PDB file of N, CA and C in Angstrom:
ATOM      1  N   MET A   1       0.826  -1.184   0.000  1.00  0.00           N
ATOM      2  CA  MET A   1       0.000   0.000   0.000  1.00  0.00           C
ATOM      3  C   MET A   1       0.874   1.253   0.000  1.00  0.00           C
ATOM      4  N   VAL A   2       0.460   2.235  -0.775  1.00  0.00           N
ATOM      5  CA  VAL A   2       1.139   3.520  -0.826  1.00  0.00           C
ATOM      6  C   VAL A   2       0.121   4.583  -0.450  1.00  0.00           C
ATOM      7  N   TYR A   3       0.423   5.324   0.610  1.00  0.00           N
ATOM      8  CA  TYR A   3      -0.455   6.401   1.069  1.00  0.00           C
ATOM      9  C   TYR A   3      -1.898   5.943   1.222  1.00  0.00           C
ATOM     10  N   GLY A   4      -2.082   4.764   1.739  1.00  0.00           N
ATOM     11  CA  GLY A   4      -3.414   4.268   2.012  1.00  0.00           C
ATOM     12  C   GLY A   4      -4.141   3.719   0.801  1.00  0.00           C
ATOM     13  N   MET A   5      -3.448   3.523  -0.313  1.00  0.00           N
ATOM     14  CA  MET A   5      -4.084   2.989  -1.523  1.00  0.00           C
ATOM     15  C   MET A   5      -3.655   1.537  -1.730  1.00  0.00           C
ATOM     16  N   THR A   6      -4.572   0.761  -2.226  1.00  0.00           N
ATOM     17  CA  THR A   6      -4.238  -0.621  -2.568  1.00  0.00           C
ATOM     18  C   THR A   6      -3.526  -0.627  -3.921  1.00  0.00           C
ATOM     19  N   ASP A   7      -2.904  -1.752  -4.241  1.00  0.00           N
ATOM     20  CA  ASP A   7      -2.237  -1.877  -5.533  1.00  0.00           C
ATOM     21  C   ASP A   7      -3.225  -1.667  -6.677  1.00  0.00           C
ATOM     22  N   ASP A   8      -4.423  -2.198  -6.536  1.00  0.00           N
ATOM     23  CA  ASP A   8      -5.445  -2.030  -7.586  1.00  0.00           C
ATOM     24  C   ASP A   8      -5.826  -0.559  -7.758  1.00  0.00           C
ATOM     25  N   GLU A   9      -5.918   0.175  -6.659  1.00  0.00           N
ATOM     26  CA  GLU A   9      -6.250   1.603  -6.735  1.00  0.00           C
ATOM     27  C   GLU A   9      -5.115   2.384  -7.402  1.00  0.00           C
ATOM     28  N   ILE A  10      -3.888   2.009  -7.127  1.00  0.00           N
ATOM     29  CA  ILE A  10      -2.736   2.662  -7.761  1.00  0.00           C
ATOM     30  C   ILE A  10      -2.753   2.401  -9.258  1.00  0.00           C
ATOM     31  N   VAL A  11      -2.998   1.168  -9.659  1.00  0.00           N
ATOM     32  CA  VAL A  11      -3.067   0.829 -11.086  1.00  0.00           C
ATOM     33  C   VAL A  11      -4.200   1.597 -11.753  1.00  0.00           C
ATOM     34  N   GLU A  12      -5.338   1.709 -11.101  1.00  0.00           N
ATOM     35  CA  GLU A  12      -6.466   2.455 -11.650  1.00  0.00           C
ATOM     36  C   GLU A  12      -6.105   3.925 -11.847  1.00  0.00           C
ATOM     37  N   GLN A  13      -5.425   4.516 -10.875  1.00  0.00           N
ATOM     38  CA  GLN A  13      -5.009   5.917 -10.981  1.00  0.00           C
ATOM     39  C   GLN A  13      -4.020   6.104 -12.139  1.00  0.00           C
ATOM     40  N   ILE A  14      -3.091   5.177 -12.289  1.00  0.00           N
ATOM     41  CA  ILE A  14      -2.120   5.245 -13.383  1.00  0.00           C
ATOM     42  C   ILE A  14      -2.839   5.150 -14.726  1.00  0.00           C
ATOM     43  N   ASN A  15      -3.806   4.251 -14.831  1.00  0.00           N
ATOM     44  CA  ASN A  15      -4.567   4.118 -16.075  1.00  0.00           C
ATOM     45  C   ASN A  15      -5.350   5.390 -16.388  1.00  0.00           C
ATOM     46  N   GLU A  16      -5.939   6.009 -15.372  1.00  0.00           N
ATOM     47  CA  GLU A  16      -6.670   7.264 -15.576  1.00  0.00           C
ATOM     48  C   GLU A  16      -5.730   8.369 -16.038  1.00  0.00           C
ATOM     49  N   LEU A  17      -4.551   8.440 -15.453  1.00  0.00           N
ATOM     50  CA  LEU A  17      -3.569   9.433 -15.883  1.00  0.00           C
ATOM     51  C   LEU A  17      -3.139   9.186 -17.323  1.00  0.00           C
ATOM     52  N   GLY A  18      -2.954   7.924 -17.688  1.00  0.00           N
ATOM     53  CA  GLY A  18      -2.611   7.582 -19.066  1.00  0.00           C
ATOM     54  C   GLY A  18      -3.677   8.036 -20.041  1.00  0.00           C
ATOM     55  N   ASN A  19      -4.947   7.867 -19.663  1.00  0.00           N
ATOM     56  CA  ASN A  19      -6.054   8.317 -20.520  1.00  0.00           C
ATOM     57  C   ASN A  19      -6.044   9.832 -20.672  1.00  0.00           C
ATOM     58  N   GLU A  20      -5.764  10.542 -19.594  1.00  0.00           N
ATOM     59  CA  GLU A  20      -5.701  12.009 -19.652  1.00  0.00           C
ATOM     60  C   GLU A  20      -4.549  12.459 -20.539  1.00  0.00           C
ATOM     61  N   ILE A  21      -3.414  11.788 -20.435  1.00  0.00           N
ATOM     62  CA  ILE A  21      -2.259  12.111 -21.287  1.00  0.00           C
ATOM     63  C   ILE A  21      -2.621  11.888 -22.749  1.00  0.00           C
ATOM     64  N   ASP A  22      -3.287  10.803 -23.056  1.00  0.00           N
ATOM     65  CA  ASP A  22      -3.712  10.524 -24.434  1.00  0.00           C
ATOM     66  C   ASP A  22      -4.624  11.628 -24.961  1.00  0.00           C
ATOM     67  N   LYS A  23      -5.567  12.101 -24.139  1.00  0.00           N
ATOM     68  CA  LYS A  23      -6.468  13.184 -24.543  1.00  0.00           C
ATOM     69  C   LYS A  23      -5.690  14.465 -24.817  1.00  0.00           C
ATOM     70  N   LEU A  24      -4.752  14.792 -23.936  1.00  0.00           N
ATOM     71  CA  LEU A  24      -3.947  16.002 -24.115  1.00  0.00           C
ATOM     72  C   LEU A  24      -3.076  15.917 -25.366  1.00  0.00           C
ATOM     73  N   GLU A  25      -2.489  14.758 -25.624  1.00  0.00           N
ATOM     74  CA  GLU A  25      -1.682  14.577 -26.832  1.00  0.00           C
ATOM     75  C   GLU A  25      -2.540  14.728 -28.081  1.00  0.00           C
ATOM     76  N   SER A  26      -3.764  14.215 -28.040  1.00  0.00           N
ATOM     77  CA  SER A  26      -4.671  14.348 -29.173  1.00  0.00           C
ATOM     78  C   SER A  26      -4.987  15.819 -29.439  1.00  0.00           C
ATOM     79  N   MET A  27      -5.249  16.579 -28.388  1.00  0.00           N
ATOM     80  CA  MET A  27      -5.521  18.009 -28.550  1.00  0.00           C
ATOM     81  C   MET A  27      -4.288  18.730 -29.076  1.00  0.00           C
ATOM     82  N   LEU A  28      -3.125  18.406 -28.554  1.00  0.00           N
ATOM     83  CA  LEU A  28      -1.882  19.032 -28.998  1.00  0.00           C
ATOM     84  C   LEU A  28      -1.643  18.763 -30.480  1.00  0.00           C
ATOM     85  N   ASN A  29      -1.907  17.553 -30.928  1.00  0.00           N
ATOM     86  CA  ASN A  29      -1.692  17.202 -32.332  1.00  0.00           C
ATOM     87  C   ASN A  29      -2.621  17.960 -33.270  1.00  0.00           C
ATOM     88  N   ARG A  30      -3.726  18.473 -32.763  1.00  0.00           N
ATOM     89  CA  ARG A  30      -4.660  19.245 -33.587  1.00  0.00           C
ATOM     90  C   ARG A  30      -4.316  20.726 -33.617  1.00  0.00           C
ATOM     91  N   ALA A  31      -3.443  21.183 -32.740  1.00  0.00           N
ATOM     92  CA  ALA A  31      -3.103  22.599 -32.648  1.00  0.00           C
ATOM     93  C   ALA A  31      -2.311  23.053 -33.867  1.00  0.00           C
ATOM     94  N   VAL A  32      -2.565  24.269 -34.305  1.00  0.00           N
ATOM     95  CA  VAL A  32      -1.825  24.848 -35.421  1.00  0.00           C
ATOM     96  C   VAL A  32      -1.157  26.164 -35.041  1.00  0.00           C
ATOM     97  N   ARG A  33      -1.409  26.637 -33.799  1.00  0.00           N
ATOM     98  CA  ARG A  33      -0.823  27.915 -33.374  1.00  0.00           C
ATOM     99  C   ARG A  33      -0.740  27.953 -31.859  1.00  0.00           C
ATOM    100  N   PHE A  34       0.422  28.398 -31.374  1.00  0.00           N
ATOM    101  CA  PHE A  34       0.636  28.568 -29.945  1.00  0.00           C
ATOM    102  C   PHE A  34       1.079  30.001 -29.678  1.00  0.00           C
ATOM    103  N   GLN A  35       0.484  30.648 -28.701  1.00  0.00           N
ATOM    104  CA  GLN A  35       0.928  31.983 -28.327  1.00  0.00           C
ATOM    105  C   GLN A  35       1.991  31.847 -27.252  1.00  0.00           C
ATOM    106  N   VAL A  36       3.162  32.434 -27.510  1.00  0.00           N
ATOM    107  CA  VAL A  36       4.295  32.320 -26.598  1.00  0.00           C
ATOM    108  C   VAL A  36       4.525  33.631 -25.855  1.00  0.00           C
ATOM    109  N   GLY A  37       4.292  34.737 -26.504  1.00  0.00           N
ATOM    110  CA  GLY A  37       4.432  36.065 -25.906  1.00  0.00           C
ATOM    111  C   GLY A  37       3.285  36.927 -26.399  1.00  0.00           C
ATOM    112  N   GLU A  38       3.307  38.191 -26.016  1.00  0.00           N
ATOM    113  CA  GLU A  38       2.204  39.067 -26.400  1.00  0.00           C
ATOM    114  C   GLU A  38       1.991  39.090 -27.910  1.00  0.00           C
ATOM    115  N   ASP A  39       3.057  39.211 -28.674  1.00  0.00           N
ATOM    116  CA  ASP A  39       2.972  39.227 -30.136  1.00  0.00           C
ATOM    117  C   ASP A  39       3.883  38.183 -30.767  1.00  0.00           C
ATOM    118  N   VAL A  40       4.120  37.084 -30.077  1.00  0.00           N
ATOM    119  CA  VAL A  40       5.001  36.024 -30.565  1.00  0.00           C
ATOM    120  C   VAL A  40       4.219  34.715 -30.589  1.00  0.00           C
ATOM    121  N   PHE A  41       4.230  34.070 -31.746  1.00  0.00           N
ATOM    122  CA  PHE A  41       3.473  32.837 -31.937  1.00  0.00           C
ATOM    123  C   PHE A  41       4.329  31.777 -32.609  1.00  0.00           C
ATOM    124  N   VAL A  42       4.030  30.531 -32.341  1.00  0.00           N
ATOM    125  CA  VAL A  42       4.573  29.407 -33.102  1.00  0.00           C
ATOM    126  C   VAL A  42       3.413  28.904 -33.948  1.00  0.00           C
ATOM    127  N   GLU A  43       3.621  28.881 -35.277  1.00  0.00           N
ATOM    128  CA  GLU A  43       2.543  28.536 -36.197  1.00  0.00           C
ATOM    129  C   GLU A  43       2.952  27.392 -37.116  1.00  0.00           C
ATOM    130  N   LYS A  44       2.023  26.506 -37.371  1.00  0.00           N
ATOM    131  CA  LYS A  44       2.276  25.375 -38.255  1.00  0.00           C
ATOM    132  C   LYS A  44       2.330  25.866 -39.697  1.00  0.00           C
ATOM    133  N   ARG A  45       3.357  25.374 -40.425  1.00  0.00           N
ATOM    134  CA  ARG A  45       3.522  25.775 -41.823  1.00  0.00           C
ATOM    135  C   ARG A  45       3.716  24.566 -42.736  1.00  0.00           C
ATOM    136  N   GLY A  46       3.285  23.418 -42.311  1.00  0.00           N
ATOM    137  CA  GLY A  46       3.417  22.205 -43.101  1.00  0.00           C
ATOM    138  C   GLY A  46       3.296  21.009 -42.190  1.00  0.00           C
ATOM    139  N   GLU A  47       3.464  19.830 -42.763  1.00  0.00           N
ATOM    140  CA  GLU A  47       3.285  18.599 -41.978  1.00  0.00           C
ATOM    141  C   GLU A  47       4.135  18.588 -40.713  1.00  0.00           C
ATOM    142  N   ASN A  48       5.415  18.831 -40.835  1.00  0.00           N
ATOM    143  CA  ASN A  48       6.309  18.866 -39.672  1.00  0.00           C
ATOM    144  C   ASN A  48       7.121  20.146 -39.655  1.00  0.00           C
ATOM    145  N   ALA A  49       6.536  21.227 -40.118  1.00  0.00           N
ATOM    146  CA  ALA A  49       7.243  22.510 -40.216  1.00  0.00           C
ATOM    147  C   ALA A  49       6.487  23.571 -39.422  1.00  0.00           C
ATOM    148  N   TRP A  50       7.241  24.269 -38.589  1.00  0.00           N
ATOM    149  CA  TRP A  50       6.684  25.322 -37.758  1.00  0.00           C
ATOM    150  C   TRP A  50       7.537  26.570 -37.922  1.00  0.00           C
ATOM    151  N   CYS A  51       6.909  27.736 -37.782  1.00  0.00           N
ATOM    152  CA  CYS A  51       7.660  28.986 -37.811  1.00  0.00           C
ATOM    153  C   CYS A  51       7.354  29.764 -36.535  1.00  0.00           C
ATOM    154  N   VAL A  52       8.201  30.738 -36.269  1.00  0.00           N
ATOM    155  CA  VAL A  52       7.978  31.662 -35.164  1.00  0.00           C
ATOM    156  C   VAL A  52       7.581  32.987 -35.796  1.00  0.00           C
ATOM    157  N   SER A  53       6.355  33.417 -35.576  1.00  0.00           N
ATOM    158  CA  SER A  53       5.908  34.695 -36.127  1.00  0.00           C
ATOM    159  C   SER A  53       5.911  35.740 -35.018  1.00  0.00           C
ATOM    160  N   ALA A  54       6.271  36.936 -35.424  1.00  0.00           N
ATOM    161  CA  ALA A  54       6.345  38.037 -34.457  1.00  0.00           C
ATOM    162  C   ALA A  54       5.744  39.282 -35.079  1.00  0.00           C
ATOM    163  N   PHE A  55       4.857  39.906 -34.363  1.00  0.00           N
ATOM    164  CA  PHE A  55       4.266  41.182 -34.753  1.00  0.00           C
ATOM    165  C   PHE A  55       3.579  41.130 -36.111  1.00  0.00           C
ATOM    166  N   GLY A  56       3.065  39.993 -36.496  1.00  0.00           N
ATOM    167  CA  GLY A  56       2.312  39.854 -37.740  1.00  0.00           C
ATOM    168  C   GLY A  56       3.140  40.163 -38.979  1.00  0.00           C
ATOM    169  N   GLY A  57       3.211  39.231 -39.878  1.00  0.00           N
ATOM    170  CA  GLY A  57       3.908  39.456 -41.140  1.00  0.00           C
ATOM    171  C   GLY A  57       5.398  39.196 -41.121  1.00  0.00           C
ATOM    172  N   THR A  58       5.963  38.958 -39.946  1.00  0.00           N
ATOM    173  CA  THR A  58       7.384  38.644 -39.881  1.00  0.00           C
ATOM    174  C   THR A  58       7.584  37.297 -39.200  1.00  0.00           C
ATOM    175  N   VAL A  59       8.675  36.627 -39.568  1.00  0.00           N
ATOM    176  CA  VAL A  59       9.055  35.370 -38.942  1.00  0.00           C
ATOM    177  C   VAL A  59      10.479  35.492 -38.438  1.00  0.00           C
ATOM    178  N   VAL A  60      10.821  34.655 -37.482  1.00  0.00           N
ATOM    179  CA  VAL A  60      12.108  34.738 -36.792  1.00  0.00           C
ATOM    180  C   VAL A  60      12.971  33.549 -37.196  1.00  0.00           C
ATOM    181  N   ASP A  61      14.269  33.810 -37.413  1.00  0.00           N
ATOM    182  CA  ASP A  61      15.192  32.722 -37.739  1.00  0.00           C
ATOM    183  C   ASP A  61      15.917  32.244 -36.487  1.00  0.00           C
ATOM    184  N   ARG A  62      16.847  31.314 -36.638  1.00  0.00           N
ATOM    185  CA  ARG A  62      17.562  30.736 -35.493  1.00  0.00           C
ATOM    186  C   ARG A  62      18.399  31.764 -34.728  1.00  0.00           C
ATOM    187  N   GLU A  63      18.814  32.820 -35.415  1.00  0.00           N
ATOM    188  CA  GLU A  63      19.613  33.869 -34.763  1.00  0.00           C
ATOM    189  C   GLU A  63      18.736  34.957 -34.169  1.00  0.00           C
ATOM    190  N   LEU A  64      17.419  34.714 -34.128  1.00  0.00           N
ATOM    191  CA  LEU A  64      16.420  35.615 -33.554  1.00  0.00           C
ATOM    192  C   LEU A  64      16.257  36.904 -34.361  1.00  0.00           C
ATOM    193  N   GLN A  65      16.580  36.836 -35.641  1.00  0.00           N
ATOM    194  CA  GLN A  65      16.394  37.974 -36.539  1.00  0.00           C
ATOM    195  C   GLN A  65      15.033  37.846 -37.209  1.00  0.00           C
ATOM    196  N   ARG A  66      14.324  38.975 -37.316  1.00  0.00           N
ATOM    197  CA  ARG A  66      13.014  38.973 -37.968  1.00  0.00           C
ATOM    198  C   ARG A  66      13.165  39.185 -39.462  1.00  0.00           C
ATOM    199  N   HIS A  67      12.291  38.508 -40.229  1.00  0.00           N
ATOM    200  CA  HIS A  67      12.257  38.640 -41.687  1.00  0.00           C
ATOM    201  C   HIS A  67      10.799  38.779 -42.117  1.00  0.00           C
ATOM    202  N   TYR A  68      10.554  39.684 -43.054  1.00  0.00           N
ATOM    203  CA  TYR A  68       9.205  39.737 -43.614  1.00  0.00           C
ATOM    204  C   TYR A  68       8.972  38.448 -44.382  1.00  0.00           C
ATOM    205  N   GLU A  69       7.798  37.868 -44.200  1.00  0.00           N
ATOM    206  CA  GLU A  69       7.492  36.605 -44.853  1.00  0.00           C
ATOM    207  C   GLU A  69       6.826  36.878 -46.195  1.00  0.00           C
ATOM    208  N   PRO A  70       7.493  36.507 -47.283  1.00  0.00           N
ATOM    209  CA  PRO A  70       6.900  36.740 -48.604  1.00  0.00           C
ATOM    210  C   PRO A  70       5.714  35.815 -48.867  1.00  0.00           C
ATOM    211  N   MET A  71       4.994  36.108 -49.918  1.00  0.00           N
ATOM    212  CA  MET A  71       3.903  35.239 -50.349  1.00  0.00           C
ATOM    213  C   MET A  71       4.484  33.856 -50.641  1.00  0.00           C
ATOM    214  N   PRO A  72       3.699  32.787 -50.471  1.00  0.00           N
ATOM    215  CA  PRO A  72       4.228  31.435 -50.668  1.00  0.00           C
ATOM    216  C   PRO A  72       4.975  31.240 -51.992  1.00  0.00           C
ATOM    217  N   SER A  73       4.474  31.818 -53.066  1.00  0.00           N
ATOM    218  CA  SER A  73       5.126  31.630 -54.370  1.00  0.00           C
ATOM    219  C   SER A  73       6.476  32.329 -54.458  1.00  0.00           C
ATOM    220  N   ASN A  74       6.756  33.258 -53.539  1.00  0.00           N
ATOM    221  CA  ASN A  74       8.023  33.995 -53.562  1.00  0.00           C
ATOM    222  C   ASN A  74       9.015  33.541 -52.492  1.00  0.00           C
ATOM    223  N   ARG A  75       8.675  32.493 -51.754  1.00  0.00           N
ATOM    224  CA  ARG A  75       9.574  31.999 -50.707  1.00  0.00           C
ATOM    225  C   ARG A  75      10.647  31.105 -51.318  1.00  0.00           C
ATOM    226  N   THR A  76      11.898  31.450 -51.087  1.00  0.00           N
ATOM    227  CA  THR A  76      12.997  30.645 -51.612  1.00  0.00           C
ATOM    228  C   THR A  76      13.268  29.463 -50.694  1.00  0.00           C
ATOM    229  N   ASP A  77      13.992  28.488 -51.210  1.00  0.00           N
ATOM    230  CA  ASP A  77      14.387  27.342 -50.386  1.00  0.00           C
ATOM    231  C   ASP A  77      15.229  27.804 -49.206  1.00  0.00           C
ATOM    232  N   GLU A  78      16.072  28.816 -49.427  1.00  0.00           N
ATOM    233  CA  GLU A  78      16.919  29.339 -48.351  1.00  0.00           C
ATOM    234  C   GLU A  78      16.074  29.977 -47.247  1.00  0.00           C
ATOM    235  N   PHE A  79      15.053  30.736 -47.661  1.00  0.00           N
ATOM    236  CA  PHE A  79      14.164  31.360 -46.678  1.00  0.00           C
ATOM    237  C   PHE A  79      13.458  30.293 -45.859  1.00  0.00           C
ATOM    238  N   ILE A  80      12.929  29.286 -46.521  1.00  0.00           N
ATOM    239  CA  ILE A  80      12.214  28.211 -45.818  1.00  0.00           C
ATOM    240  C   ILE A  80      13.156  27.481 -44.868  1.00  0.00           C
ATOM    241  N   ALA A  81      14.367  27.173 -45.316  1.00  0.00           N
ATOM    242  CA  ALA A  81      15.324  26.472 -44.457  1.00  0.00           C
ATOM    243  C   ALA A  81      15.686  27.300 -43.228  1.00  0.00           C
ATOM    244  N   ALA A  82      15.721  28.613 -43.376  1.00  0.00           N
ATOM    245  CA  ALA A  82      16.111  29.487 -42.264  1.00  0.00           C
ATOM    246  C   ALA A  82      14.978  29.755 -41.285  1.00  0.00           C
ATOM    247  N   THR A  83      13.729  29.538 -41.700  1.00  0.00           N
ATOM    248  CA  THR A  83      12.597  29.963 -40.867  1.00  0.00           C
ATOM    249  C   THR A  83      11.592  28.861 -40.570  1.00  0.00           C
ATOM    250  N   ARG A  84      11.917  27.610 -40.870  1.00  0.00           N
ATOM    251  CA  ARG A  84      11.026  26.488 -40.573  1.00  0.00           C
ATOM    252  C   ARG A  84      11.750  25.509 -39.668  1.00  0.00           C
ATOM    253  N   PHE A  85      11.040  25.041 -38.656  1.00  0.00           N
ATOM    254  CA  PHE A  85      11.666  24.247 -37.605  1.00  0.00           C
ATOM    255  C   PHE A  85      10.742  23.114 -37.163  1.00  0.00           C
ATOM    256  N   SER A  86      11.307  22.201 -36.381  1.00  0.00           N
ATOM    257  CA  SER A  86      10.462  21.237 -35.671  1.00  0.00           C
ATOM    258  C   SER A  86       9.685  22.021 -34.612  1.00  0.00           C
ATOM    259  N   LEU A  87       8.639  21.442 -34.084  1.00  0.00           N
ATOM    260  CA  LEU A  87       7.867  22.128 -33.043  1.00  0.00           C
ATOM    261  C   LEU A  87       8.735  22.438 -31.841  1.00  0.00           C
ATOM    262  N   SER A  88       9.561  21.496 -31.440  1.00  0.00           N
ATOM    263  CA  SER A  88      10.420  21.701 -30.270  1.00  0.00           C
ATOM    264  C   SER A  88      11.392  22.855 -30.491  1.00  0.00           C
ATOM    265  N   GLU A  89      12.034  22.882 -31.659  1.00  0.00           N
ATOM    266  CA  GLU A  89      12.988  23.970 -31.934  1.00  0.00           C
ATOM    267  C   GLU A  89      12.264  25.305 -32.048  1.00  0.00           C
ATOM    268  N   ALA A  90      11.093  25.318 -32.680  1.00  0.00           N
ATOM    269  CA  ALA A  90      10.328  26.565 -32.805  1.00  0.00           C
ATOM    270  C   ALA A  90       9.934  27.100 -31.435  1.00  0.00           C
ATOM    271  N   MET A  91       9.530  26.230 -30.530  1.00  0.00           N
ATOM    272  CA  MET A  91       9.176  26.670 -29.172  1.00  0.00           C
ATOM    273  C   MET A  91      10.388  27.270 -28.466  1.00  0.00           C
ATOM    274  N   ASP A  92      11.539  26.645 -28.629  1.00  0.00           N
ATOM    275  CA  ASP A  92      12.766  27.162 -28.021  1.00  0.00           C
ATOM    276  C   ASP A  92      13.105  28.545 -28.589  1.00  0.00           C
ATOM    277  N   ILE A  93      13.044  28.686 -29.893  1.00  0.00           N
ATOM    278  CA  ILE A  93      13.338  29.978 -30.541  1.00  0.00           C
ATOM    279  C   ILE A  93      12.332  31.032 -30.077  1.00  0.00           C
ATOM    280  N   ALA A  94      11.064  30.668 -30.037  1.00  0.00           N
ATOM    281  CA  ALA A  94      10.026  31.616 -29.613  1.00  0.00           C
ATOM    282  C   ALA A  94      10.237  32.053 -28.175  1.00  0.00           C
ATOM    283  N   ASP A  95      10.576  31.129 -27.306  1.00  0.00           N
ATOM    284  CA  ASP A  95      10.850  31.473 -25.905  1.00  0.00           C
ATOM    285  C   ASP A  95      12.015  32.450 -25.801  1.00  0.00           C
ATOM    286  N   ARG A  96      13.093  32.157 -26.532  1.00  0.00           N
ATOM    287  CA  ARG A  96      14.264  33.045 -26.506  1.00  0.00           C
ATOM    288  C   ARG A  96      13.944  34.405 -27.085  1.00  0.00           C
ATOM    289  N   TYR A  97      13.168  34.443 -28.181  1.00  0.00           N
ATOM    290  CA  TYR A  97      12.807  35.711 -28.787  1.00  0.00           C
ATOM    291  C   TYR A  97      11.910  36.530 -27.858  1.00  0.00           C
ATOM    292  N   ALA A  98      10.936  35.892 -27.260  1.00  0.00           N
ATOM    293  CA  ALA A  98      10.003  36.593 -26.369  1.00  0.00           C
ATOM    294  C   ALA A  98      10.704  37.123 -25.117  1.00  0.00           C
ATOM    295  N   ALA A  99      11.788  36.484 -24.709  1.00  0.00           N
ATOM    296  CA  ALA A  99      12.500  36.895 -23.501  1.00  0.00           C
ATOM    297  C   ALA A  99      13.435  38.084 -23.713  1.00  0.00           C
ATOM    298  N   GLN A 100      13.705  38.463 -24.965  1.00  0.00           N
ATOM    299  CA  GLN A 100      14.626  39.591 -25.206  1.00  0.00           C
ATOM    300  C   GLN A 100      13.980  40.912 -24.838  1.00  0.00           C
TER     301      GLN A 100
END
């Protein structure tokens, strides 16, 4: 027994927590935009591509420099490589940018 719970009660609690985690992961997978700061967002830009947008119309690169985001037909491969990230990297960049 742990803290007055039987083994069966502990297993039940673990299963309930697992179900809650599954629900949260499902909601997270549906998200397309996260607000990180007052005017700083992480936005989905493809299947596994995320950008950090700041102050509308601009995106942030790894060096925390802002760039105006051109229309999709005018985006070069270099621009996309510099401003598209995994979700984890985009969150890190957004946190660092928002903290400046």
